[in-house]
C-alpha atoms as a PDB file:
ATOM      1  CA  MET A   1      13.683  27.704  -9.614  1.00  0.00           C
ATOM      2  CA  ILE A   2      10.182  28.334  -9.569  1.00  0.00           C
ATOM      3  CA  ARG A   3      10.829  29.939  -5.909  1.00  0.00           C
ATOM      4  CA  ALA A   4      13.509  31.858  -7.330  1.00  0.00           C
ATOM      5  CA  GLU A   5      11.610  33.138 -10.236  1.00  0.00           C
ATOM      6  CA  LEU A   6       8.274  34.472  -8.405  1.00  0.00           C
ATOM      7  CA  ASP A   7      11.101  36.220  -5.844  1.00  0.00           C
ATOM      8  CA  LYS A   8      12.906  37.672  -9.079  1.00  0.00           C
ATOM      9  CA  ALA A   9       9.378  39.070 -10.292  1.00  0.00           C
ATOM     10  CA  LEU A  10       9.015  40.384  -7.495  1.00  0.00           C
ATOM     11  CA  GLN A  11      12.368  42.249  -6.409  1.00  0.00           C
ATOM     12  CA  ARG A  12      11.194  43.612  -9.985  1.00  0.00           C
ATOM     13  CA  ALA A  13       8.423  45.766  -7.774  1.00  0.00           C
ATOM     14  CA  PHE A  14      10.813  47.520  -5.481  1.00  0.00           C
ATOM     15  CA  THR A  15      10.807  51.177  -5.512  1.00  0.00           C
ATOM     16  CA  ARG A  16      14.316  51.953  -4.726  1.00  0.00           C
ATOM     17  CA  LYS A  17      17.876  50.109  -4.647  1.00  0.00           C
ATOM     18  CA  ILE A  18      19.551  47.541  -2.773  1.00  0.00           C
ATOM     19  CA  PRO A  19      22.750  48.571  -1.650  1.00  0.00           C
ATOM     20  CA  GLN A  20      25.184  48.427  -3.396  1.00  0.00           C
ATOM     21  CA  SER A  21      28.360  47.950  -1.369  1.00  0.00           C
ATOM     22  CA  ALA A  22      28.750  45.742   1.540  1.00  0.00           C
ATOM     23  CA  GLY A  23      29.621  48.950   3.985  1.00  0.00           C
ATOM     24  CA  ALA A  24      25.922  49.642   3.085  1.00  0.00           C
ATOM     25  CA  LYS A  25      24.436  45.877   3.159  1.00  0.00           C
ATOM     26  CA  MET A  26      25.891  45.915   7.141  1.00  0.00           C
ATOM     27  CA  ARG A  27      25.112  48.929   8.175  1.00  0.00           C
ATOM     28  CA  PHE A  28      20.975  48.226   6.644  1.00  0.00           C
ATOM     29  CA  LEU A  29      20.876  44.688   8.289  1.00  0.00           C
ATOM     30  CA  VAL A  30      22.356  46.163  10.976  1.00  0.00           C
ATOM     31  CA  LYS A  31      19.925  48.634  11.123  1.00  0.00           C
ATOM     32  CA  GLN A  32      17.288  45.422  10.363  1.00  0.00           C
ATOM     33  CA  HIS A  33      18.585  43.845  13.446  1.00  0.00           C
ATOM     34  CA  LYS A  34      17.831  47.201  16.383  1.00  0.00           C
ATOM     35  CA  GLY A  35      21.172  48.148  16.245  1.00  0.00           C
ATOM     36  CA  SER A  36      23.379  44.861  17.104  1.00  0.00           C
ATOM     37  CA  THR A  37      25.888  43.232  15.069  1.00  0.00           C
ATOM     38  CA  HIS A  38      26.206  40.201  17.507  1.00  0.00           C
ATOM     39  CA  GLN A  39      23.355  38.642  15.383  1.00  0.00           C
ATOM     40  CA  VAL A  40      23.758  40.459  11.825  1.00  0.00           C
ATOM     41  CA  ALA A  41      27.286  38.819  12.784  1.00  0.00           C
ATOM     42  CA  ARG A  42      25.525  34.859  13.535  1.00  0.00           C
ATOM     43  CA  LEU A  43      23.502  35.669  11.083  1.00  0.00           C
ATOM     44  CA  LEU A  44      26.129  35.691   8.602  1.00  0.00           C
ATOM     45  CA  GLY A  45      28.445  33.493  10.201  1.00  0.00           C
ATOM     46  CA  VAL A  46      31.439  35.814  10.677  1.00  0.00           C
ATOM     47  CA  THR A  47      32.780  37.207  13.463  1.00  0.00           C
ATOM     48  CA  GLN A  48      30.657  40.452  15.448  1.00  0.00           C
ATOM     49  CA  ARG A  49      34.314  42.549  14.725  1.00  0.00           C
ATOM     50  CA  THR A  50      33.995  41.449  10.768  1.00  0.00           C
ATOM     51  CA  VAL A  51      30.556  42.849  10.510  1.00  0.00           C
ATOM     52  CA  GLU A  52      31.623  46.566  13.134  1.00  0.00           C
ATOM     53  CA  ARG A  53      34.594  47.057  10.336  1.00  0.00           C
ATOM     54  CA  TYR A  54      32.358  46.330   7.322  1.00  0.00           C
ATOM     55  CA  VAL A  55      29.894  48.871   9.053  1.00  0.00           C
ATOM     56  CA  LYS A  56      33.004  51.464   9.347  1.00  0.00           C
ATOM     57  CA  ASN A  57      33.809  50.922   5.966  1.00  0.00           C
ATOM     58  CA  GLN A  58      37.523  49.439   6.877  1.00  0.00           C
ATOM     59  CA  ILE A  59      36.848  46.121   5.227  1.00  0.00           C
ATOM     60  CA  LYS A  60      35.084  46.645   1.396  1.00  0.00           C
ATOM     61  CA  HIS A  61      34.931  43.680  -0.684  1.00  0.00           C
ATOM     62  CA  PRO A  62      33.355  40.810   0.959  1.00  0.00           C
ATOM     63  CA  ARG A  63      35.223  37.492   0.394  1.00  0.00           C
ATOM     64  CA  LYS A  64      33.294  35.337  -2.478  1.00  0.00           C
ATOM     65  CA  ASP A  65      30.535  33.380   0.509  1.00  0.00           C
ATOM     66  CA  LEU A  66      30.100  36.229   2.273  1.00  0.00           C
ATOM     67  CA  ALA A  67      29.249  38.323  -0.483  1.00  0.00           C
ATOM     68  CA  ASP A  68      26.851  35.805  -1.667  1.00  0.00           C
ATOM     69  CA  THR A  69      24.581  35.652   1.741  1.00  0.00           C
ATOM     70  CA  LEU A  70      24.540  38.927   2.465  1.00  0.00           C
ATOM     71  CA  ASP A  71      22.974  39.624  -1.305  1.00  0.00           C
ATOM     72  CA  ARG A  72      20.954  37.400  -0.031  1.00  0.00           C
ATOM     73  CA  GLU A  73      19.509  37.914   3.461  1.00  0.00           C
ATOM     74  CA  VAL A  74      20.020  41.889   2.626  1.00  0.00           C
ATOM     75  CA  THR A  75      17.387  41.693  -0.664  1.00  0.00           C
ATOM     76  CA  ALA A  76      14.903  38.785   1.206  1.00  0.00           C
ATOM     77  CA  ARG A  77      14.942  41.864   3.588  1.00  0.00           C
ATOM     78  CA  TRP A  78      14.660  44.879   0.848  1.00  0.00           C
ATOM     79  CA  GLN A  79      10.923  46.574   1.122  1.00  0.00           C
ATOM     80  CA  PRO A  80       8.629  44.371   2.218  1.00  0.00           C
ATOM     81  CA  GLN A  81       5.805  46.140   1.644  1.00  0.00           C
ATOM     82  CA  VAL A  82       6.433  47.183  -1.281  1.00  0.00           C
ATOM     83  CA  ARG A  83       6.678  42.974  -1.761  1.00  0.00           C
ATOM     84  CA  ALA A  84       3.709  42.322  -0.036  1.00  0.00           C
ATOM     85  CA  LYS A  85       1.184  44.981  -1.642  1.00  0.00           C
ATOM     86  CA  ALA A  86       2.961  43.566  -5.479  1.00  0.00           C
ATOM     87  CA  ARG A  87       2.196  40.370  -3.769  1.00  0.00           C
ATOM     88  CA  LYS A  88      -1.319  40.725  -2.874  1.00  0.00           C
ATOM     89  CA  THR A  89      -1.424  42.839  -6.119  1.00  0.00           C
ATOM     90  CA  ALA A  90      -1.186  40.220  -7.831  1.00  0.00           C
ATOM     91  CA  ALA A  91      -3.136  37.409  -5.737  1.00  0.00           C
ATOM     92  CA  THR A  92      -5.677  39.573  -6.086  1.00  0.00           C
ATOM     93  CA  THR A  93      -6.769  41.472  -9.223  1.00  0.00           C
ATOM     94  CA  THR A  94      -3.580  41.266 -12.178  1.00  0.00           C
ATOM     95  CA  GLY A  95      -2.491  37.939 -12.160  1.00  0.00           C
ATOM     96  CA  ILE A  96       0.914  37.787 -13.009  1.00  0.00           C
ATOM     97  CA  MET A  97       2.869  36.086 -16.507  1.00  0.00           C
ATOM     98  CA  ILE A  98       4.876  33.509 -17.253  1.00  0.00           C
ATOM     99  CA  ASP A  99       7.157  32.210 -19.597  1.00  0.00           C
ATOM    100  CA  THR A 100       8.451  28.862 -19.883  1.00  0.00           C
ATOM    101  CA  ARG A 101       9.545  26.185 -22.188  1.00  0.00           C
ATOM    102  CA  ALA A 102       9.787  22.649 -20.843  1.00  0.00           C
ATOM    103  CA  ARG A 103       8.661  19.275 -22.179  1.00  0.00           C
ATOM    104  CA  PHE A 104       5.143  18.624 -21.392  1.00  0.00           C
ATOM    105  CA  GLY A 105       3.784  14.961 -20.639  1.00  0.00           C
ATOM    106  CA  PHE A 106      -0.254  14.134 -19.683  1.00  0.00           C
ATOM    107  CA  THR A 107      -1.653  11.272 -18.131  1.00  0.00           C
ATOM    108  CA  ALA A 108      -5.402  11.006 -20.464  1.00  0.00           C
ATOM    109  CA  ALA A 109      -7.771   8.664 -21.764  1.00  0.00           C
ATOM    110  CA  PRO A 110      -7.447   5.635 -22.899  1.00  0.00           C
ATOM    111  CA  GLY A 111      -6.311   6.557 -27.044  1.00  0.00           C
ATOM    112  CA  THR A 112      -5.105   9.484 -27.010  1.00  0.00           C
ATOM    113  CA  THR A 113      -1.108  10.617 -27.200  1.00  0.00           C
ATOM    114  CA  ASP A 114       0.549  11.263 -23.870  1.00  0.00           C
ATOM    115  CA  ASP A 115       3.866  11.406 -25.525  1.00  0.00           C
ATOM    116  CA  PRO A 116       5.820  14.545 -23.982  1.00  0.00           C
ATOM    117  CA  ARG A 117       6.239  16.972 -25.699  1.00  0.00           C
ATOM    118  CA  PRO A 118       8.662  20.584 -25.298  1.00  0.00           C
ATOM    119  CA  ARG A 119       6.571  23.609 -25.471  1.00  0.00           C
ATOM    120  CA  HIS A 120       7.187  27.507 -25.227  1.00  0.00           C
ATOM    121  CA  LEU A 121       4.182  28.806 -23.823  1.00  0.00           C
ATOM    122  CA  THR A 122       4.425  32.287 -22.464  1.00  0.00           C
ATOM    123  CA  LEU A 123       0.477  33.219 -20.787  1.00  0.00           C
ATOM    124  CA  ALA A 124      -1.162  35.402 -18.456  1.00  0.00           C
ATOM    125  CA  LEU A 125      -1.892  33.742 -14.991  1.00  0.00           C
ATOM    126  CA  PRO A 126      -5.139  34.539 -13.314  1.00  0.00           C
ATOM    127  CA  PRO A 127      -5.457  36.133  -9.709  1.00  0.00           C
ATOM    128  CA  GLN A 128      -6.968  32.427  -8.453  1.00  0.00           C
ATOM    129  CA  HIS A 129      -3.528  30.784  -9.359  1.00  0.00           C
ATOM    130  CA  VAL A 130      -0.957  33.330  -8.552  1.00  0.00           C
ATOM    131  CA  ALA A 131      -2.316  33.431  -4.770  1.00  0.00           C
ATOM    132  CA  ARG A 132      -1.545  29.109  -5.084  1.00  0.00           C
ATOM    133  CA  LEU A 133       1.647  29.250  -5.835  1.00  0.00           C
ATOM    134  CA  PHE A 134       2.443  32.567  -3.417  1.00  0.00           C
ATOM    135  CA  GLU A 135       0.503  30.280  -0.565  1.00  0.00           C
ATOM    136  CA  ALA A 136       2.638  27.725  -1.289  1.00  0.00           C
ATOM    137  CA  GLN A 137       5.469  29.089  -1.802  1.00  0.00           C
ATOM    138  CA  GLU A 138       5.281  30.682   1.593  1.00  0.00           C
ATOM    139  CA  ALA A 139       4.379  27.823   3.948  1.00  0.00           C
ATOM    140  CA  GLY A 140       7.384  26.361   2.345  1.00  0.00           C
ATOM    141  CA  ALA A 141       6.838  24.069  -0.415  1.00  0.00           C
ATOM    142  CA  THR A 142       9.317  22.326  -1.646  1.00  0.00           C
ATOM    143  CA  GLU A 143      10.674  23.063  -5.873  1.00  0.00           C
ATOM    144  CA  GLN A 144       9.161  19.880  -5.613  1.00  0.00           C
ATOM    145  CA  GLN A 145       5.922  20.269  -4.706  1.00  0.00           C
ATOM    146  CA  LEU A 146       6.015  24.565  -6.500  1.00  0.00           C
ATOM    147  CA  GLN A 147       6.890  22.264 -10.421  1.00  0.00           C
ATOM    148  CA  GLN A 148       3.702  20.548  -9.068  1.00  0.00           C
ATOM    149  CA  ILE A 149       1.090  22.812  -8.379  1.00  0.00           C
ATOM    150  CA  THR A 150       2.753  25.298 -11.826  1.00  0.00           C
ATOM    151  CA  ALA A 151       1.898  22.239 -14.013  1.00  0.00           C
ATOM    152  CA  GLU A 152      -1.812  21.770 -12.741  1.00  0.00           C
ATOM    153  CA  VAL A 153      -1.759  25.665 -12.726  1.00  0.00           C
ATOM    154  CA  LEU A 154      -0.584  25.350 -16.454  1.00  0.00           C
ATOM    155  CA  GLY A 155      -3.267  22.117 -17.283  1.00  0.00           C
ATOM    156  CA  ASP A 156      -5.622  24.245 -16.283  1.00  0.00           C
ATOM    157  CA  VAL A 157      -5.015  27.329 -17.951  1.00  0.00           C
ATOM    158  CA  TYR A 158      -3.131  26.293 -21.102  1.00  0.00           C
ATOM    159  CA  PHE A 159      -4.196  22.698 -21.753  1.00  0.00           C
ATOM    160  CA  ARG A 160      -8.067  23.131 -20.201  1.00  0.00           C
ATOM    161  CA  ASP A 161      -8.783  26.048 -21.005  1.00  0.00           C
ATOM    162  CA  ASN A 162      -9.997  27.021 -17.906  1.00  0.00           C
ATOM    163  CA  GLY A 163     -12.417  23.813 -17.243  1.00  0.00           C
ATOM    164  CA  ARG A 164     -13.488  24.253 -21.263  1.00  0.00           C
ATOM    165  CA  ARG A 165     -11.773  21.026 -22.688  1.00  0.00           C
ATOM    166  CA  ALA A 166      -9.788  18.155 -22.129  1.00  0.00           C
ATOM    167  CA  HIS A 167     -11.644  16.995 -19.330  1.00  0.00           C
ATOM    168  CA  GLY A 168      -9.552  14.555 -16.768  1.00  0.00           C
ATOM    169  CA  LEU A 169      -6.114  15.690 -18.155  1.00  0.00           C
ATOM    170  CA  GLU A 170      -3.675  15.864 -16.345  1.00  0.00           C
ATOM    171  CA  VAL A 171      -0.299  17.847 -17.149  1.00  0.00           C
ATOM    172  CA  GLU A 172       2.919  16.258 -16.021  1.00  0.00           C
ATOM    173  CA  LEU A 173       5.819  19.509 -16.158  1.00  0.00           C
ATOM    174  CA  THR A 174       9.352  17.729 -16.754  1.00  0.00           C
ATOM    175  CA  ASP A 175      12.615  19.003 -18.037  1.00  0.00           C
ATOM    176  CA  LEU A 176      12.414  22.210 -17.076  1.00  0.00           C
ATOM    177  CA  GLU A 177      14.249  24.852 -19.606  1.00  0.00           C
ATOM    178  CA  HIS A 178      13.282  28.070 -18.794  1.00  0.00           C
ATOM    179  CA  LEU A 179      10.599  29.183 -16.588  1.00  0.00           C
ATOM    180  CA  GLU A 180      10.187  33.498 -15.729  1.00  0.00           C
ATOM    181  CA  PHE A 181       7.568  35.619 -13.849  1.00  0.00           C
ATOM    182  CA  GLU A 182       6.006  38.759 -14.631  1.00  0.00           C
ATOM    183  CA  LEU A 183       3.900  40.929 -12.808  1.00  0.00           C
END
């Protein structure tokens, strides 16, 4: 969920629309693979002839699983420079907005409450925290690891107020109901 939402936030920075038709998407992938319909066929799990037929618009409506794979592969390759620029800007200067609804529990000093409570938070994450999330995503962190990093970031920014209060408070993020990032 976190990985997908980070990707969605970056996709909102695109300056042109992603190709809509199956033929246009196939032509884009073939162009990305330097004209090799064979490589695109292996990527999508179809025959080379099938790719060629989509490129020539002889087939226009892919089956559901192929349509999903085609969408995912085209989106992952669409406007890489725009995506990289948006990622760099968010990680160095502007930060990113997070809107989440989840259950937060705390590990704190004895005598304080650590009962998890549902909360809805909308706040701006500073660039250094955004950089940490993007670096973990690029390094192939699992969803669990991204969730842990998000909990640590929210703990630092919201609950510990960037080190000004609640020292030693560790935040646990569970029952994630909603999460959205915006550049």
